[in-house]
Amino acid sequence: MPKPAKGARLGGSPAHERLILANLATQLFQHGRIRTTEAKAKRLRPVAERLITKAKKGDIHNRRQVLTVVKDKGVVHHLFTEIAPTFAARPGGYTRITKLGPRKGDNAPMALIELVSEPLNAATVTRTAPAAAPAPAEEVVELPAEDVRAEDAPADAAPADSAPADAASDEDAPADEKTESKKDEA
């Protein structure tokens, strides 16, 4: 059995809260945007997003599930035929909440919740795991052309203008040892 949310509910009882959220969702789908309090907008967002996700699937089972929340068949038809296809490529984030400021009468914080109409950006941002410490940049050591000859290099070796694989390890050695190791390689 689901545990009810702690704290004050929007309408006093769980049934009344469900009715308020269903009416808000109906108005949101009918008009595209509604002005309400911040608390109601924050509670409406997951309900509306879940209904849009069901509408994107488009089968009869999901239509019946949406009809249990939104009672107006015309709004459900509008949701399935016009709203859901616009969000077909979007994986989530169908709504936007914009804070408006306090209401004149009772100073309640107001917000505008609306369906996002902008297309999804083609360039998506990928997140990478942060590294513990940045790796030091490797320096590329270029050898003079006379030290490495194409006929002396083995067939499976790298081209003459690329640095040898062990050049990075030679950087830590003193200058005298570097010249000796280069002579040994040639």
Protein backbone atom coordinates (compact mmCIF):
# COMPACT_ATOMS: atom_id res chain seq x y z
CA MET A 1 0.00 0.00 0.00
CA PRO A 2 1.49 3.37 -0.94
CA LYS A 3 2.46 5.61 1.90
CA PRO A 4 0.88 9.09 1.73
CA ALA A 5 3.10 12.15 1.49
CA LYS A 6 4.02 13.67 4.82
CA GLY A 7 3.02 17.20 5.65
CA ALA A 8 0.15 19.34 4.51
CA ARG A 9 -1.63 18.38 1.31
CA LEU A 10 -2.90 20.82 -1.25
CA GLY A 11 -6.59 20.32 -0.51
CA GLY A 12 -6.71 18.72 2.91
CA SER A 13 -7.30 15.09 1.99
CA PRO A 14 -5.58 12.78 -0.46
CA ALA A 15 -8.70 12.48 -2.61
CA HIS A 16 -9.06 16.26 -2.84
CA GLU A 17 -5.38 16.62 -3.73
CA ARG A 18 -5.77 14.08 -6.57
CA LEU A 19 -8.76 16.05 -7.88
CA ILE A 20 -6.82 19.34 -7.76
CA LEU A 21 -3.87 17.81 -9.63
CA ALA A 22 -6.19 16.18 -12.20
CA ASN A 23 -7.93 19.52 -12.84
CA LEU A 24 -4.59 21.33 -13.11
CA ALA A 25 -3.30 18.71 -15.57
CA THR A 26 -6.47 19.03 -17.64
CA GLN A 27 -6.11 22.81 -17.82
CA LEU A 28 -2.39 22.51 -18.65
CA PHE A 29 -3.06 20.20 -21.59
CA GLN A 30 -6.01 22.29 -22.74
CA HIS A 31 -4.30 25.70 -22.65
CA GLY A 32 -0.59 24.81 -22.86
CA ARG A 33 0.28 26.96 -19.82
CA ILE A 34 -1.35 27.87 -16.54
CA ARG A 35 -0.62 30.30 -13.74
CA THR A 36 -0.78 28.78 -10.28
CA THR A 37 1.10 28.75 -6.98
CA GLU A 38 4.64 27.39 -6.86
CA ALA A 39 3.59 24.54 -4.55
CA LYS A 40 0.87 23.38 -6.94
CA ALA A 41 3.18 23.74 -9.96
CA LYS A 42 5.87 21.64 -8.29
CA ARG A 43 3.31 18.94 -7.43
CA LEU A 44 1.78 19.06 -10.93
CA ARG A 45 5.03 18.63 -12.87
CA PRO A 46 5.60 14.88 -12.22
CA VAL A 47 1.92 14.11 -12.82
CA ALA A 48 1.89 15.93 -16.17
CA GLU A 49 5.21 14.41 -17.28
CA ARG A 50 3.97 10.91 -16.47
CA LEU A 51 0.76 11.49 -18.46
CA ILE A 52 2.70 12.79 -21.48
CA THR A 53 5.00 9.76 -21.36
CA LYS A 54 1.94 7.49 -21.41
CA ALA A 55 0.49 9.48 -24.29
CA LYS A 56 3.73 9.05 -26.27
CA LYS A 57 3.25 5.26 -26.16
CA GLY A 58 -0.19 5.77 -27.71
CA ASP A 59 -1.79 2.36 -27.12
CA ILE A 60 -5.28 1.78 -25.72
CA HIS A 61 -4.00 0.67 -22.31
CA ASN A 62 -2.15 3.94 -21.75
CA ARG A 63 -5.13 5.93 -23.07
CA ARG A 64 -7.35 4.28 -20.46
CA GLN A 65 -4.80 5.00 -17.73
CA VAL A 66 -4.70 8.69 -18.73
CA LEU A 67 -8.52 8.75 -18.73
CA THR A 68 -8.49 7.72 -15.05
CA VAL A 69 -6.75 11.02 -14.26
CA VAL A 70 -7.98 13.40 -16.97
CA LYS A 71 -11.76 12.94 -17.24
CA ASP A 72 -12.31 15.12 -20.33
CA LYS A 73 -12.15 12.90 -23.43
CA GLY A 74 -11.52 15.88 -25.70
CA VAL A 75 -8.43 16.87 -23.74
CA VAL A 76 -7.19 13.27 -23.77
CA HIS A 77 -7.66 13.17 -27.55
CA HIS A 78 -5.74 16.47 -27.84
CA LEU A 79 -2.98 15.04 -25.63
CA PHE A 80 -2.60 11.87 -27.69
CA THR A 81 -2.94 13.37 -31.17
CA GLU A 82 -1.28 16.80 -30.90
CA ILE A 83 0.83 17.11 -27.75
CA ALA A 84 2.47 13.65 -27.64
CA PRO A 85 3.81 13.71 -31.25
CA THR A 86 5.57 17.03 -30.58
CA PHE A 87 7.49 15.37 -27.73
CA ALA A 88 8.29 12.14 -29.63
CA ALA A 89 12.02 12.89 -29.85
CA ARG A 90 12.29 14.35 -26.34
CA PRO A 91 13.21 11.81 -23.60
CA GLY A 92 11.73 13.89 -20.78
CA GLY A 93 11.45 17.41 -19.45
CA TYR A 94 8.16 18.26 -21.12
CA THR A 95 7.24 21.08 -18.74
CA ARG A 96 8.86 24.28 -17.52
CA ILE A 97 8.17 26.19 -14.31
CA THR A 98 8.86 29.93 -14.27
CA LYS A 99 8.54 31.82 -10.99
CA LEU A 100 6.49 35.00 -11.31
CA GLY A 101 6.52 36.66 -7.89
CA PRO A 102 3.98 37.05 -5.11
CA ARG A 103 0.22 37.22 -5.67
CA LYS A 104 -1.33 40.58 -4.85
CA GLY A 105 -4.03 39.42 -2.42
CA ASP A 106 -2.32 36.96 -0.10
CA ASN A 107 1.35 37.25 -1.12
CA ALA A 108 1.47 33.60 -2.24
CA PRO A 109 4.46 32.81 -4.52
CA MET A 110 3.13 32.35 -8.04
CA ALA A 111 4.56 30.37 -10.96
CA LEU A 112 3.80 29.71 -14.61
CA ILE A 113 3.92 26.06 -15.66
CA GLU A 114 3.94 25.46 -19.39
CA LEU A 115 4.61 22.79 -21.96
CA VAL A 116 8.03 23.19 -23.59
CA SER A 117 7.59 24.13 -27.23
CA GLU A 118 11.24 24.52 -28.30
CA PRO A 119 12.75 21.58 -30.18
CA LEU A 120 15.39 19.51 -28.46
CA ASN A 121 18.95 20.68 -29.21
CA ALA A 122 20.83 18.49 -31.64
CA ALA A 123 24.05 18.97 -29.65
CA THR A 124 23.56 17.06 -26.43
CA VAL A 125 25.92 17.48 -23.53
CA THR A 126 27.55 14.30 -22.34
CA ARG A 127 28.76 14.10 -18.82
CA THR A 128 32.03 12.39 -18.04
CA ALA A 129 33.13 11.08 -14.70
CA PRO A 130 35.41 13.58 -12.98
CA ALA A 131 39.00 12.41 -12.80
CA ALA A 132 40.67 12.18 -9.40
CA ALA A 133 43.62 14.25 -10.58
CA PRO A 134 44.35 15.70 -14.00
CA ALA A 135 46.88 13.65 -15.92
CA PRO A 136 50.09 15.49 -16.77
CA ALA A 137 50.41 16.44 -20.40
CA GLU A 138 52.92 14.34 -22.30
CA GLU A 139 55.55 16.15 -24.28
CA VAL A 140 56.35 14.99 -27.77
CA VAL A 141 60.06 14.78 -28.46
CA GLU A 142 60.97 15.19 -32.10
CA LEU A 143 64.16 13.61 -33.26
CA PRO A 144 66.25 15.22 -35.98
CA ALA A 145 65.73 13.69 -39.42
CA GLU A 146 69.36 12.49 -39.68
CA ASP A 147 69.04 10.32 -36.53
CA VAL A 148 66.24 8.15 -37.91
CA ARG A 149 66.41 6.81 -41.44
CA ALA A 150 63.56 5.08 -43.22
CA GLU A 151 65.73 2.18 -44.41
CA ASP A 152 67.06 1.49 -40.87
CA ALA A 153 63.61 1.37 -39.27
CA PRO A 154 61.76 -1.97 -39.20
CA ALA A 155 58.74 -2.36 -41.49
CA ASP A 156 56.20 -2.44 -38.64
CA ALA A 157 57.66 0.64 -36.89
CA ALA A 158 56.00 4.03 -36.71
CA PRO A 159 56.75 6.66 -39.38
CA ALA A 160 59.95 8.70 -39.00
CA ASP A 161 58.21 11.93 -38.01
CA SER A 162 56.44 10.39 -34.98
CA ALA A 163 58.18 10.10 -31.62
CA PRO A 164 59.27 6.69 -30.36
CA ALA A 165 57.16 5.06 -27.65
CA ASP A 166 59.92 5.15 -25.02
CA ALA A 167 60.73 8.85 -25.60
CA ALA A 168 58.36 9.82 -22.78
CA SER A 169 60.29 7.63 -20.35
CA ASP A 170 63.59 9.18 -21.52
CA GLU A 171 62.41 12.67 -20.54
CA ASP A 172 62.96 11.93 -16.86
CA ALA A 173 66.55 10.83 -17.42
CA PRO A 174 69.46 13.33 -17.33
CA ALA A 175 70.64 14.89 -20.60
CA ASP A 176 73.80 12.72 -20.80
CA GLU A 177 71.79 9.51 -20.62
CA LYS A 178 69.30 10.79 -23.25
CA THR A 179 72.03 11.23 -25.84
CA GLU A 180 73.43 7.81 -25.07
CA SER A 181 70.03 6.13 -25.36
CA LYS A 182 69.40 7.91 -28.68
CA LYS A 183 72.74 6.63 -29.99
CA ASP A 184 71.83 3.11 -28.90
CA GLU A 185 68.51 3.29 -30.74
CA ALA A 186 70.09 4.51 -33.98
